[in-house]
Amino acid sequence: MRAWELRRTIAAFFMPNRCPFCGDVIGVREFWCAPCCEHLLMLDDPGEIPEGLDGFSAVCRYSGRARTAVLRLKEGFYRYPADAFAVLIAENAAELIQRSDVITAIPSGRKRRRELGYAQAELIAKMLSQISAKPFRRLLSAEKGKLEQKRLSREERLENAARAFRFSGREDIRGKSVLVIDDVCTTGATMSAAAGLIRNAGAAEVCGAVFARVMRK
């Protein structure tokens, strides 16, 4: 039994495993219930690649049950979606994962970590690391004063993202390919800001993968 399988089995003894999309109790080895997955609006085309990325992948459209699952992860002590998102990203972004040397995540601020008890993108990235056997490294940190993107306009998101992070990785990533993970991509500003910092640290390639994307008309 792999480490993440053991973790999920142990967790199920204390709290029933639930579908992240509807909240129904499901089997210990399941990540979602079949009817819910069928309602996700999968993306054949993830849309425009955010500036600064060499490749980009998004599993589905940010709407309906996908949006519900993301909000459950973002808004309160509900970790089930992270594993499900990682499994779906692993399948959807297989090529990007294969060519990556390191997996990292968009960071959450300290206040947000304290509120939730976790950093949602990091949960997804660590699970993806275990599935793919690619190393996870925490390369970025959130700067003090970083605002929550969901409450900002497009212009405010771009400005906020530009000053939201700093490179804090201790590992030498010069010449390496890095895959950045997040739960949702809205304008692409966050991914672009992260990509710029990682590339400035010497990475040869920076790609991004998310569970859901807001598709603009």
N, C-alpha and C. Protein backbone atom coordinates (compact mmCIF):
# COMPACT_ATOMS: atom_id res chain seq x y z
N MET A 1 0.85 -1.19 0.00
CA MET A 1 0.00 0.00 0.00
C MET A 1 0.89 1.25 0.00
N ARG A 2 0.60 2.18 -0.92
CA ARG A 2 1.39 3.40 -1.00
C ARG A 2 1.04 4.34 0.15
N ALA A 3 1.94 5.30 0.40
CA ALA A 3 1.80 6.18 1.55
C ALA A 3 0.48 6.94 1.54
N TRP A 4 0.11 7.47 0.37
CA TRP A 4 -1.12 8.24 0.32
C TRP A 4 -2.36 7.36 0.48
N GLU A 5 -2.27 6.11 0.05
CA GLU A 5 -3.38 5.19 0.25
C GLU A 5 -3.54 4.87 1.74
N LEU A 6 -2.42 4.68 2.43
CA LEU A 6 -2.45 4.42 3.86
C LEU A 6 -3.03 5.62 4.61
N ARG A 7 -2.61 6.81 4.21
CA ARG A 7 -3.12 8.03 4.85
C ARG A 7 -4.62 8.13 4.72
N ARG A 8 -5.14 7.88 3.52
CA ARG A 8 -6.58 7.98 3.29
C ARG A 8 -7.34 6.90 4.07
N THR A 9 -6.75 5.71 4.17
CA THR A 9 -7.40 4.63 4.90
C THR A 9 -7.50 4.95 6.38
N ILE A 10 -6.41 5.48 6.94
CA ILE A 10 -6.41 5.86 8.36
C ILE A 10 -7.40 6.99 8.61
N ALA A 11 -7.41 7.98 7.72
CA ALA A 11 -8.31 9.12 7.89
C ALA A 11 -9.77 8.70 7.90
N ALA A 12 -10.09 7.67 7.12
CA ALA A 12 -11.47 7.20 7.02
C ALA A 12 -11.99 6.62 8.34
N PHE A 13 -11.09 6.18 9.22
CA PHE A 13 -11.50 5.67 10.52
C PHE A 13 -12.05 6.79 11.41
N PHE A 14 -11.55 8.01 11.20
CA PHE A 14 -11.95 9.14 12.03
C PHE A 14 -13.04 9.99 11.38
N MET A 15 -13.05 10.01 10.04
CA MET A 15 -14.03 10.80 9.32
C MET A 15 -14.35 10.11 8.01
N PRO A 16 -15.63 9.80 7.73
CA PRO A 16 -15.99 9.08 6.50
C PRO A 16 -15.48 9.80 5.25
N ASN A 17 -15.02 9.02 4.30
CA ASN A 17 -14.58 9.58 3.02
C ASN A 17 -15.81 10.08 2.26
N ARG A 18 -15.74 11.30 1.75
CA ARG A 18 -16.89 11.90 1.07
C ARG A 18 -16.53 12.38 -0.33
N CYS A 19 -17.52 12.37 -1.19
CA CYS A 19 -17.35 12.93 -2.54
C CYS A 19 -17.19 14.44 -2.40
N PRO A 20 -16.14 15.02 -2.98
CA PRO A 20 -15.93 16.46 -2.83
C PRO A 20 -16.95 17.30 -3.59
N PHE A 21 -17.66 16.67 -4.52
CA PHE A 21 -18.58 17.42 -5.36
C PHE A 21 -20.01 17.47 -4.81
N CYS A 22 -20.42 16.45 -4.06
CA CYS A 22 -21.78 16.44 -3.51
C CYS A 22 -21.81 16.20 -2.00
N GLY A 23 -20.72 15.71 -1.42
CA GLY A 23 -20.66 15.49 0.01
C GLY A 23 -21.14 14.13 0.47
N ASP A 24 -21.61 13.27 -0.45
CA ASP A 24 -22.07 11.94 -0.07
C ASP A 24 -20.90 11.05 0.37
N VAL A 25 -21.16 10.16 1.31
CA VAL A 25 -20.15 9.21 1.75
C VAL A 25 -19.86 8.22 0.63
N ILE A 26 -18.56 7.98 0.38
CA ILE A 26 -18.14 7.05 -0.67
C ILE A 26 -17.11 6.08 -0.09
N GLY A 27 -16.70 5.10 -0.89
CA GLY A 27 -15.74 4.11 -0.43
C GLY A 27 -14.38 4.72 -0.12
N VAL A 28 -13.63 4.04 0.73
CA VAL A 28 -12.32 4.53 1.15
C VAL A 28 -11.38 4.72 -0.03
N ARG A 29 -11.48 3.88 -1.03
CA ARG A 29 -10.58 3.96 -2.18
C ARG A 29 -11.13 4.80 -3.33
N GLU A 30 -12.28 5.41 -3.11
CA GLU A 30 -12.88 6.25 -4.15
C GLU A 30 -12.54 7.71 -3.90
N PHE A 31 -12.53 8.50 -4.99
CA PHE A 31 -12.23 9.93 -4.87
C PHE A 31 -13.45 10.79 -5.15
N TRP A 32 -14.45 10.23 -5.79
CA TRP A 32 -15.70 10.92 -6.09
C TRP A 32 -16.74 9.89 -6.47
N CYS A 33 -18.00 10.30 -6.53
CA CYS A 33 -19.04 9.38 -7.00
C CYS A 33 -19.23 9.59 -8.50
N ALA A 34 -19.50 8.53 -9.21
CA ALA A 34 -19.57 8.57 -10.67
C ALA A 34 -20.53 9.63 -11.21
N PRO A 35 -21.74 9.77 -10.67
CA PRO A 35 -22.65 10.78 -11.22
C PRO A 35 -22.08 12.19 -11.18
N CYS A 36 -21.35 12.53 -10.11
CA CYS A 36 -20.79 13.88 -9.99
C CYS A 36 -19.73 14.14 -11.05
N CYS A 37 -18.85 13.17 -11.26
CA CYS A 37 -17.78 13.35 -12.25
C CYS A 37 -18.35 13.57 -13.64
N GLU A 38 -19.48 12.94 -13.91
CA GLU A 38 -20.12 13.09 -15.22
C GLU A 38 -20.67 14.49 -15.43
N HIS A 39 -20.88 15.23 -14.34
CA HIS A 39 -21.40 16.59 -14.45
C HIS A 39 -20.31 17.64 -14.64
N LEU A 40 -19.05 17.26 -14.49
CA LEU A 40 -17.96 18.22 -14.69
C LEU A 40 -17.84 18.55 -16.17
N LEU A 41 -17.64 19.82 -16.47
CA LEU A 41 -17.49 20.27 -17.85
C LEU A 41 -16.00 20.23 -18.20
N MET A 42 -15.55 19.08 -18.70
CA MET A 42 -14.14 18.88 -19.00
C MET A 42 -13.69 19.77 -20.16
N LEU A 43 -12.43 20.18 -20.11
CA LEU A 43 -11.89 21.09 -21.12
C LEU A 43 -10.94 20.36 -22.05
N ASP A 44 -11.28 20.31 -23.32
CA ASP A 44 -10.34 19.80 -24.32
C ASP A 44 -9.27 20.85 -24.60
N ASP A 45 -9.66 22.12 -24.49
CA ASP A 45 -8.75 23.24 -24.70
C ASP A 45 -8.76 24.10 -23.43
N PRO A 46 -7.63 24.22 -22.72
CA PRO A 46 -7.61 24.99 -21.47
C PRO A 46 -7.63 26.49 -21.68
N GLY A 47 -7.67 26.94 -22.92
CA GLY A 47 -7.68 28.37 -23.20
C GLY A 47 -6.29 28.94 -23.32
N GLU A 48 -6.21 30.25 -23.31
CA GLU A 48 -4.93 30.95 -23.50
C GLU A 48 -3.96 30.60 -22.37
N ILE A 49 -2.74 30.27 -22.75
CA ILE A 49 -1.71 29.96 -21.75
C ILE A 49 -1.29 31.25 -21.05
N PRO A 50 -1.35 31.29 -19.72
CA PRO A 50 -0.92 32.49 -19.01
C PRO A 50 0.51 32.89 -19.38
N GLU A 51 0.72 34.19 -19.44
CA GLU A 51 2.03 34.72 -19.82
C GLU A 51 3.13 34.17 -18.93
N GLY A 52 4.23 33.77 -19.55
CA GLY A 52 5.38 33.28 -18.79
C GLY A 52 5.45 31.79 -18.64
N LEU A 53 4.36 31.08 -18.98
CA LEU A 53 4.35 29.62 -18.89
C LEU A 53 4.69 28.98 -20.23
N ASP A 54 5.37 27.85 -20.17
CA ASP A 54 5.71 27.10 -21.38
C ASP A 54 4.65 26.06 -21.72
N GLY A 55 3.77 25.80 -20.79
CA GLY A 55 2.69 24.85 -21.01
C GLY A 55 1.66 25.02 -19.91
N PHE A 56 0.42 24.64 -20.20
CA PHE A 56 -0.64 24.86 -19.22
C PHE A 56 -1.73 23.82 -19.41
N SER A 57 -2.32 23.39 -18.28
CA SER A 57 -3.38 22.39 -18.32
C SER A 57 -4.46 22.74 -17.31
N ALA A 58 -5.73 22.57 -17.70
CA ALA A 58 -6.86 22.76 -16.80
C ALA A 58 -7.83 21.61 -17.03
N VAL A 59 -8.28 20.98 -15.96
CA VAL A 59 -9.13 19.80 -16.08
C VAL A 59 -10.52 20.15 -16.57
N CYS A 60 -11.14 21.15 -15.94
CA CYS A 60 -12.54 21.43 -16.24
C CYS A 60 -12.86 22.91 -16.06
N ARG A 61 -14.07 23.26 -16.46
CA ARG A 61 -14.56 24.63 -16.31
C ARG A 61 -14.94 24.88 -14.85
N TYR A 62 -14.67 26.09 -14.39
CA TYR A 62 -15.00 26.47 -13.01
C TYR A 62 -16.47 26.85 -12.94
N SER A 63 -17.32 25.85 -12.79
CA SER A 63 -18.75 26.08 -12.71
C SER A 63 -19.41 24.85 -12.08
N GLY A 64 -20.66 25.01 -11.67
CA GLY A 64 -21.42 23.88 -11.16
C GLY A 64 -20.74 23.16 -10.00
N ARG A 65 -20.65 21.84 -10.11
CA ARG A 65 -20.11 21.03 -9.02
C ARG A 65 -18.61 21.22 -8.84
N ALA A 66 -17.92 21.57 -9.93
CA ALA A 66 -16.49 21.86 -9.80
C ALA A 66 -16.28 23.08 -8.90
N ARG A 67 -17.07 24.10 -9.12
CA ARG A 67 -16.98 25.32 -8.31
C ARG A 67 -17.33 25.01 -6.85
N THR A 68 -18.36 24.21 -6.63
CA THR A 68 -18.76 23.83 -5.28
C THR A 68 -17.61 23.14 -4.53
N ALA A 69 -16.93 22.22 -5.22
CA ALA A 69 -15.82 21.49 -4.59
C ALA A 69 -14.66 22.41 -4.26
N VAL A 70 -14.34 23.34 -5.16
CA VAL A 70 -13.25 24.29 -4.91
C VAL A 70 -13.58 25.16 -3.70
N LEU A 71 -14.81 25.64 -3.62
CA LEU A 71 -15.19 26.49 -2.50
C LEU A 71 -15.16 25.72 -1.18
N ARG A 72 -15.51 24.45 -1.22
CA ARG A 72 -15.42 23.63 -0.01
C ARG A 72 -13.97 23.54 0.47
N LEU A 73 -13.05 23.41 -0.47
CA LEU A 73 -11.64 23.33 -0.10
C LEU A 73 -11.13 24.67 0.40
N LYS A 74 -11.58 25.76 -0.23
CA LYS A 74 -11.08 27.09 0.09
C LYS A 74 -11.67 27.66 1.37
N GLU A 75 -12.85 27.22 1.73
CA GLU A 75 -13.59 27.96 2.75
C GLU A 75 -13.80 27.21 4.05
N GLY A 76 -13.20 26.03 4.21
CA GLY A 76 -13.31 25.52 5.54
C GLY A 76 -13.06 24.07 5.85
N PHE A 77 -11.85 23.73 6.25
CA PHE A 77 -11.53 22.46 6.90
C PHE A 77 -12.15 21.26 6.17
N TYR A 78 -12.08 21.28 4.87
CA TYR A 78 -12.69 20.21 4.05
C TYR A 78 -11.64 19.78 3.04
N ARG A 79 -10.91 18.72 3.36
CA ARG A 79 -9.73 18.34 2.59
C ARG A 79 -10.00 17.36 1.46
N TYR A 80 -11.20 16.80 1.41
CA TYR A 80 -11.48 15.77 0.39
C TYR A 80 -11.17 16.23 -1.04
N PRO A 81 -11.53 17.46 -1.42
CA PRO A 81 -11.30 17.84 -2.81
C PRO A 81 -9.85 17.78 -3.25
N ALA A 82 -8.90 18.03 -2.35
CA ALA A 82 -7.49 18.10 -2.74
C ALA A 82 -7.02 16.81 -3.40
N ASP A 83 -7.34 15.67 -2.82
CA ASP A 83 -6.93 14.39 -3.40
C ASP A 83 -7.60 14.16 -4.74
N ALA A 84 -8.90 14.47 -4.82
CA ALA A 84 -9.63 14.28 -6.08
C ALA A 84 -9.05 15.16 -7.18
N PHE A 85 -8.77 16.42 -6.84
CA PHE A 85 -8.20 17.33 -7.84
C PHE A 85 -6.85 16.81 -8.33
N ALA A 86 -6.04 16.30 -7.41
CA ALA A 86 -4.71 15.78 -7.77
C ALA A 86 -4.83 14.60 -8.73
N VAL A 87 -5.76 13.70 -8.47
CA VAL A 87 -5.95 12.54 -9.34
C VAL A 87 -6.37 12.98 -10.74
N LEU A 88 -7.27 13.94 -10.82
CA LEU A 88 -7.74 14.43 -12.11
C LEU A 88 -6.64 15.19 -12.85
N ILE A 89 -5.86 15.98 -12.13
CA ILE A 89 -4.74 16.69 -12.75
C ILE A 89 -3.69 15.71 -13.25
N ALA A 90 -3.44 14.65 -12.47
CA ALA A 90 -2.45 13.64 -12.87
C ALA A 90 -2.79 13.03 -14.22
N GLU A 91 -4.06 12.82 -14.44
CA GLU A 91 -4.49 12.24 -15.72
C GLU A 91 -4.49 13.28 -16.83
N ASN A 92 -4.96 14.48 -16.52
CA ASN A 92 -5.11 15.51 -17.54
C ASN A 92 -3.78 16.13 -17.97
N ALA A 93 -2.86 16.25 -17.02
CA ALA A 93 -1.58 16.92 -17.29
C ALA A 93 -0.43 15.93 -17.35
N ALA A 94 -0.70 14.72 -17.78
CA ALA A 94 0.32 13.66 -17.76
C ALA A 94 1.59 14.06 -18.50
N GLU A 95 1.45 14.72 -19.63
CA GLU A 95 2.64 15.09 -20.42
C GLU A 95 3.47 16.14 -19.67
N LEU A 96 2.81 17.13 -19.09
CA LEU A 96 3.54 18.17 -18.35
C LEU A 96 4.23 17.58 -17.13
N ILE A 97 3.57 16.66 -16.46
CA ILE A 97 4.16 16.01 -15.28
C ILE A 97 5.37 15.18 -15.67
N GLN A 98 5.26 14.48 -16.78
CA GLN A 98 6.33 13.62 -17.24
C GLN A 98 7.61 14.40 -17.50
N ARG A 99 7.49 15.60 -18.05
CA ARG A 99 8.69 16.36 -18.39
C ARG A 99 9.16 17.28 -17.26
N SER A 100 8.46 17.29 -16.14
CA SER A 100 8.84 18.15 -15.02
C SER A 100 9.87 17.45 -14.13
N ASP A 101 10.74 18.26 -13.53
CA ASP A 101 11.71 17.76 -12.55
C ASP A 101 11.24 18.01 -11.13
N VAL A 102 10.46 19.07 -10.97
CA VAL A 102 10.01 19.49 -9.64
C VAL A 102 8.55 19.95 -9.73
N ILE A 103 7.77 19.61 -8.71
CA ILE A 103 6.40 20.10 -8.58
C ILE A 103 6.36 21.09 -7.42
N THR A 104 5.72 22.23 -7.63
CA THR A 104 5.55 23.21 -6.57
C THR A 104 4.11 23.72 -6.60
N ALA A 105 3.78 24.65 -5.70
CA ALA A 105 2.40 25.12 -5.59
C ALA A 105 2.35 26.62 -5.37
N ILE A 106 1.24 27.21 -5.78
CA ILE A 106 0.97 28.60 -5.44
C ILE A 106 0.76 28.66 -3.93
N PRO A 107 1.50 29.52 -3.21
CA PRO A 107 1.42 29.51 -1.75
C PRO A 107 0.22 30.28 -1.20
N SER A 108 -0.18 29.91 0.00
CA SER A 108 -1.18 30.66 0.75
C SER A 108 -0.46 31.49 1.81
N GLY A 109 -1.06 32.60 2.20
CA GLY A 109 -0.49 33.42 3.25
C GLY A 109 -0.62 32.75 4.61
N ARG A 110 0.14 33.22 5.59
CA ARG A 110 0.12 32.62 6.92
C ARG A 110 -1.25 32.72 7.56
N LYS A 111 -1.91 33.85 7.39
CA LYS A 111 -3.24 34.02 7.97
C LYS A 111 -4.21 33.01 7.39
N ARG A 112 -4.14 32.82 6.09
CA ARG A 112 -5.03 31.87 5.43
C ARG A 112 -4.75 30.44 5.88
N ARG A 113 -3.47 30.10 6.03
CA ARG A 113 -3.10 28.77 6.51
C ARG A 113 -3.68 28.53 7.91
N ARG A 114 -3.59 29.55 8.76
CA ARG A 114 -4.12 29.40 10.12
C ARG A 114 -5.64 29.23 10.10
N GLU A 115 -6.31 29.97 9.25
CA GLU A 115 -7.77 29.91 9.18
C GLU A 115 -8.26 28.54 8.74
N LEU A 116 -7.60 27.97 7.73
CA LEU A 116 -8.06 26.70 7.17
C LEU A 116 -7.39 25.48 7.80
N GLY A 117 -6.18 25.68 8.27
CA GLY A 117 -5.42 24.54 8.76
C GLY A 117 -4.59 23.89 7.68
N TYR A 118 -4.59 24.46 6.49
CA TYR A 118 -3.83 23.93 5.36
C TYR A 118 -3.72 24.98 4.27
N ALA A 119 -2.81 24.75 3.32
CA ALA A 119 -2.70 25.56 2.11
C ALA A 119 -3.24 24.72 0.97
N GLN A 120 -4.35 25.13 0.36
CA GLN A 120 -5.07 24.24 -0.54
C GLN A 120 -4.26 23.81 -1.76
N ALA A 121 -3.56 24.72 -2.40
CA ALA A 121 -2.78 24.33 -3.58
C ALA A 121 -1.65 23.38 -3.22
N GLU A 122 -1.08 23.59 -2.04
CA GLU A 122 0.01 22.72 -1.60
C GLU A 122 -0.49 21.30 -1.32
N LEU A 123 -1.70 21.18 -0.76
CA LEU A 123 -2.28 19.85 -0.55
C LEU A 123 -2.39 19.10 -1.88
N ILE A 124 -2.88 19.79 -2.89
CA ILE A 124 -3.03 19.17 -4.21
C ILE A 124 -1.68 18.78 -4.77
N ALA A 125 -0.71 19.71 -4.68
CA ALA A 125 0.62 19.45 -5.25
C ALA A 125 1.32 18.29 -4.55
N LYS A 126 1.19 18.19 -3.25
CA LYS A 126 1.85 17.10 -2.52
C LYS A 126 1.24 15.74 -2.88
N MET A 127 -0.09 15.71 -3.04
CA MET A 127 -0.74 14.47 -3.46
C MET A 127 -0.29 14.10 -4.87
N LEU A 128 -0.21 15.09 -5.75
CA LEU A 128 0.24 14.85 -7.11
C LEU A 128 1.67 14.33 -7.12
N SER A 129 2.49 14.87 -6.24
CA SER A 129 3.88 14.41 -6.12
C SER A 129 3.94 12.94 -5.73
N GLN A 130 3.08 12.54 -4.81
CA GLN A 130 3.06 11.14 -4.38
C GLN A 130 2.56 10.22 -5.49
N ILE A 131 1.58 10.66 -6.23
CA ILE A 131 1.04 9.86 -7.33
C ILE A 131 2.06 9.69 -8.44
N SER A 132 2.75 10.78 -8.77
CA SER A 132 3.65 10.79 -9.93
C SER A 132 5.09 10.44 -9.61
N ALA A 133 5.43 10.38 -8.32
CA ALA A 133 6.81 10.13 -7.88
C ALA A 133 7.76 11.24 -8.34
N LYS A 134 7.22 12.43 -8.51
CA LYS A 134 8.03 13.62 -8.79
C LYS A 134 8.17 14.41 -7.49
N PRO A 135 9.33 14.95 -7.20
CA PRO A 135 9.54 15.63 -5.92
C PRO A 135 8.75 16.93 -5.79
N PHE A 136 8.16 17.13 -4.63
CA PHE A 136 7.52 18.42 -4.32
C PHE A 136 8.51 19.30 -3.59
N ARG A 137 8.58 20.57 -3.98
CA ARG A 137 9.42 21.54 -3.30
C ARG A 137 8.64 22.83 -3.11
N ARG A 138 8.74 23.41 -1.93
CA ARG A 138 8.08 24.69 -1.66
C ARG A 138 9.02 25.80 -2.13
N LEU A 139 8.76 26.31 -3.30
CA LEU A 139 9.66 27.30 -3.92
C LEU A 139 9.23 28.73 -3.68
N LEU A 140 7.94 28.95 -3.38
CA LEU A 140 7.41 30.31 -3.25
C LEU A 140 6.79 30.53 -1.88
N SER A 141 6.83 31.77 -1.42
CA SER A 141 6.15 32.17 -0.20
C SER A 141 5.29 33.39 -0.50
N ALA A 142 4.20 33.52 0.25
CA ALA A 142 3.32 34.67 0.07
C ALA A 142 3.86 35.86 0.86
N GLU A 143 3.86 37.01 0.25
CA GLU A 143 4.30 38.22 0.93
C GLU A 143 3.22 38.71 1.89
N LYS A 144 3.62 39.40 2.93
CA LYS A 144 2.65 39.99 3.84
C LYS A 144 1.82 41.03 3.09
N GLY A 145 0.54 41.07 3.39
CA GLY A 145 -0.32 42.03 2.73
C GLY A 145 -0.95 41.50 1.46
N LYS A 146 -0.63 40.26 1.09
CA LYS A 146 -1.27 39.66 -0.08
C LYS A 146 -2.77 39.56 0.16
N LEU A 147 -3.55 40.01 -0.82
CA LEU A 147 -5.00 39.98 -0.71
C LEU A 147 -5.57 38.71 -1.33
N GLU A 148 -6.76 38.31 -0.89
CA GLU A 148 -7.43 37.17 -1.50
C GLU A 148 -7.92 37.56 -2.88
N GLN A 149 -7.51 36.81 -3.91
CA GLN A 149 -7.81 37.17 -5.28
C GLN A 149 -9.31 37.16 -5.60
N LYS A 150 -10.08 36.29 -4.93
CA LYS A 150 -11.48 36.11 -5.30
C LYS A 150 -12.31 37.37 -5.11
N ARG A 151 -11.86 38.30 -4.31
CA ARG A 151 -12.62 39.52 -4.05
C ARG A 151 -12.17 40.69 -4.93
N LEU A 152 -11.24 40.44 -5.83
CA LEU A 152 -10.66 41.52 -6.62
C LEU A 152 -11.14 41.52 -8.07
N SER A 153 -11.12 42.70 -8.68
CA SER A 153 -11.42 42.82 -10.10
C SER A 153 -10.24 42.29 -10.91
N ARG A 154 -10.41 42.17 -12.22
CA ARG A 154 -9.33 41.68 -13.08
C ARG A 154 -8.09 42.55 -12.95
N GLU A 155 -8.26 43.89 -12.98
CA GLU A 155 -7.12 44.80 -12.88
C GLU A 155 -6.45 44.69 -11.52
N GLU A 156 -7.26 44.56 -10.47
CA GLU A 156 -6.71 44.42 -9.12
C GLU A 156 -5.98 43.09 -8.94
N ARG A 157 -6.49 42.04 -9.59
CA ARG A 157 -5.82 40.73 -9.53
C ARG A 157 -4.43 40.82 -10.13
N LEU A 158 -4.31 41.48 -11.26
CA LEU A 158 -3.02 41.60 -11.93
C LEU A 158 -2.01 42.34 -11.06
N GLU A 159 -2.47 43.44 -10.44
CA GLU A 159 -1.59 44.23 -9.58
C GLU A 159 -1.23 43.46 -8.32
N ASN A 160 -2.21 42.79 -7.73
CA ASN A 160 -1.97 42.03 -6.50
C ASN A 160 -1.00 40.88 -6.73
N ALA A 161 -1.20 40.16 -7.84
CA ALA A 161 -0.35 39.01 -8.13
C ALA A 161 1.11 39.41 -8.33
N ALA A 162 1.33 40.59 -8.92
CA ALA A 162 2.69 41.03 -9.22
C ALA A 162 3.53 41.23 -7.96
N ARG A 163 2.87 41.50 -6.82
CA ARG A 163 3.61 41.73 -5.57
C ARG A 163 3.25 40.72 -4.48
N ALA A 164 2.62 39.63 -4.89
CA ALA A 164 2.08 38.70 -3.90
C ALA A 164 3.08 37.68 -3.37
N PHE A 165 4.11 37.36 -4.16
CA PHE A 165 4.99 36.25 -3.79
C PHE A 165 6.46 36.64 -3.82
N ARG A 166 7.26 35.76 -3.22
CA ARG A 166 8.71 35.87 -3.35
C ARG A 166 9.27 34.46 -3.50
N PHE A 167 10.40 34.35 -4.15
CA PHE A 167 11.04 33.04 -4.29
C PHE A 167 11.76 32.73 -2.98
N SER A 168 11.47 31.57 -2.41
CA SER A 168 12.06 31.20 -1.12
C SER A 168 12.62 29.78 -1.12
N GLY A 169 12.71 29.19 -2.30
CA GLY A 169 13.20 27.82 -2.39
C GLY A 169 14.67 27.70 -2.03
N ARG A 170 15.01 26.61 -1.37
CA ARG A 170 16.40 26.36 -0.99
C ARG A 170 17.11 25.43 -1.96
N GLU A 171 16.33 24.86 -2.87
CA GLU A 171 16.91 23.92 -3.82
C GLU A 171 17.35 24.64 -5.09
N ASP A 172 18.45 24.20 -5.66
CA ASP A 172 18.94 24.77 -6.92
C ASP A 172 18.07 24.24 -8.05
N ILE A 173 17.33 25.13 -8.70
CA ILE A 173 16.45 24.70 -9.80
C ILE A 173 16.98 25.16 -11.15
N ARG A 174 18.22 25.60 -11.17
CA ARG A 174 18.80 26.06 -12.45
C ARG A 174 18.79 24.92 -13.47
N GLY A 175 18.23 25.22 -14.63
CA GLY A 175 18.19 24.25 -15.72
C GLY A 175 17.09 23.21 -15.59
N LYS A 176 16.24 23.30 -14.55
CA LYS A 176 15.21 22.30 -14.33
C LYS A 176 13.85 22.75 -14.88
N SER A 177 12.97 21.78 -15.03
CA SER A 177 11.60 22.04 -15.45
C SER A 177 10.70 21.98 -14.22
N VAL A 178 9.93 23.03 -14.00
CA VAL A 178 9.09 23.15 -12.80
C VAL A 178 7.62 23.20 -13.20
N LEU A 179 6.81 22.43 -12.49
CA LEU A 179 5.35 22.43 -12.70
C LEU A 179 4.69 23.09 -11.50
N VAL A 180 3.94 24.17 -11.75
CA VAL A 180 3.27 24.93 -10.70
C VAL A 180 1.81 24.51 -10.63
N ILE A 181 1.33 24.19 -9.43
CA ILE A 181 -0.03 23.70 -9.23
C ILE A 181 -0.88 24.72 -8.48
N ASP A 182 -2.12 24.87 -8.92
CA ASP A 182 -3.10 25.68 -8.20
C ASP A 182 -4.47 25.03 -8.37
N ASP A 183 -5.44 25.47 -7.56
CA ASP A 183 -6.77 24.89 -7.69
C ASP A 183 -7.55 25.51 -8.85
N VAL A 184 -7.51 26.83 -8.97
CA VAL A 184 -8.28 27.53 -10.01
C VAL A 184 -7.41 28.58 -10.69
N CYS A 185 -7.62 28.74 -11.98
CA CYS A 185 -7.00 29.82 -12.74
C CYS A 185 -8.12 30.74 -13.22
N THR A 186 -8.04 32.02 -12.85
CA THR A 186 -9.07 32.99 -13.26
C THR A 186 -8.53 33.86 -14.40
N THR A 187 -7.68 34.80 -14.08
CA THR A 187 -7.09 35.66 -15.12
C THR A 187 -5.74 35.12 -15.60
N GLY A 188 -5.11 34.25 -14.83
CA GLY A 188 -3.77 33.77 -15.16
C GLY A 188 -2.69 34.61 -14.52
N ALA A 189 -3.08 35.69 -13.82
CA ALA A 189 -2.10 36.60 -13.24
C ALA A 189 -1.25 35.92 -12.18
N THR A 190 -1.87 35.10 -11.35
CA THR A 190 -1.14 34.42 -10.29
C THR A 190 -0.10 33.47 -10.87
N MET A 191 -0.49 32.68 -11.86
CA MET A 191 0.44 31.75 -12.51
C MET A 191 1.59 32.51 -13.16
N SER A 192 1.28 33.62 -13.80
CA SER A 192 2.32 34.40 -14.49
C SER A 192 3.32 34.96 -13.50
N ALA A 193 2.82 35.47 -12.37
CA ALA A 193 3.71 36.02 -11.35
C ALA A 193 4.63 34.93 -10.79
N ALA A 194 4.06 33.76 -10.52
CA ALA A 194 4.86 32.65 -10.00
C ALA A 194 5.90 32.20 -11.02
N ALA A 195 5.48 32.11 -12.27
CA ALA A 195 6.39 31.68 -13.34
C ALA A 195 7.58 32.62 -13.47
N GLY A 196 7.33 33.93 -13.35
CA GLY A 196 8.41 34.90 -13.46
C GLY A 196 9.46 34.73 -12.38
N LEU A 197 9.01 34.51 -11.15
CA LEU A 197 9.95 34.33 -10.04
C LEU A 197 10.75 33.05 -10.18
N ILE A 198 10.08 31.99 -10.60
CA ILE A 198 10.77 30.70 -10.74
C ILE A 198 11.76 30.73 -11.90
N ARG A 199 11.38 31.39 -12.97
CA ARG A 199 12.30 31.50 -14.11
C ARG A 199 13.51 32.36 -13.75
N ASN A 200 13.27 33.42 -12.98
CA ASN A 200 14.38 34.28 -12.55
C ASN A 200 15.36 33.53 -11.65
N ALA A 201 14.87 32.46 -11.00
CA ALA A 201 15.73 31.65 -10.14
C ALA A 201 16.53 30.63 -10.93
N GLY A 202 16.32 30.60 -12.26
CA GLY A 202 17.14 29.75 -13.11
C GLY A 202 16.45 28.58 -13.77
N ALA A 203 15.15 28.41 -13.54
CA ALA A 203 14.46 27.28 -14.16
C ALA A 203 14.49 27.40 -15.68
N ALA A 204 14.69 26.28 -16.35
CA ALA A 204 14.73 26.27 -17.81
C ALA A 204 13.33 26.28 -18.40
N GLU A 205 12.36 25.73 -17.66
CA GLU A 205 10.99 25.64 -18.15
C GLU A 205 10.03 25.73 -16.96
N VAL A 206 8.94 26.46 -17.15
CA VAL A 206 7.92 26.56 -16.11
C VAL A 206 6.56 26.32 -16.75
N CYS A 207 5.84 25.33 -16.24
CA CYS A 207 4.50 25.02 -16.73
C CYS A 207 3.52 25.11 -15.56
N GLY A 208 2.25 25.14 -15.88
CA GLY A 208 1.23 25.25 -14.84
C GLY A 208 0.11 24.25 -15.07
N ALA A 209 -0.50 23.80 -13.99
CA ALA A 209 -1.66 22.90 -14.08
C ALA A 209 -2.62 23.22 -12.96
N VAL A 210 -3.90 23.27 -13.29
CA VAL A 210 -4.94 23.58 -12.31
C VAL A 210 -6.09 22.59 -12.48
N PHE A 211 -6.94 22.53 -11.46
CA PHE A 211 -8.14 21.71 -11.56
C PHE A 211 -9.18 22.40 -12.44
N ALA A 212 -9.46 23.66 -12.18
CA ALA A 212 -10.53 24.35 -12.91
C ALA A 212 -10.06 25.70 -13.44
N ARG A 213 -10.73 26.14 -14.51
CA ARG A 213 -10.42 27.44 -15.07
C ARG A 213 -11.68 28.22 -15.35
N VAL A 214 -11.63 29.51 -15.02
CA VAL A 214 -12.73 30.41 -15.36
C VAL A 214 -12.57 30.75 -16.83
N MET A 215 -13.54 30.36 -17.65
CA MET A 215 -13.46 30.60 -19.08
C MET A 215 -14.21 31.88 -19.43
N ARG A 216 -13.48 32.87 -19.89
CA ARG A 216 -14.08 34.14 -20.26
C ARG A 216 -14.72 34.06 -21.63
N LYS A 217 -15.83 34.76 -21.80
CA LYS A 217 -16.51 34.77 -23.10
C LYS A 217 -15.73 35.64 -24.07
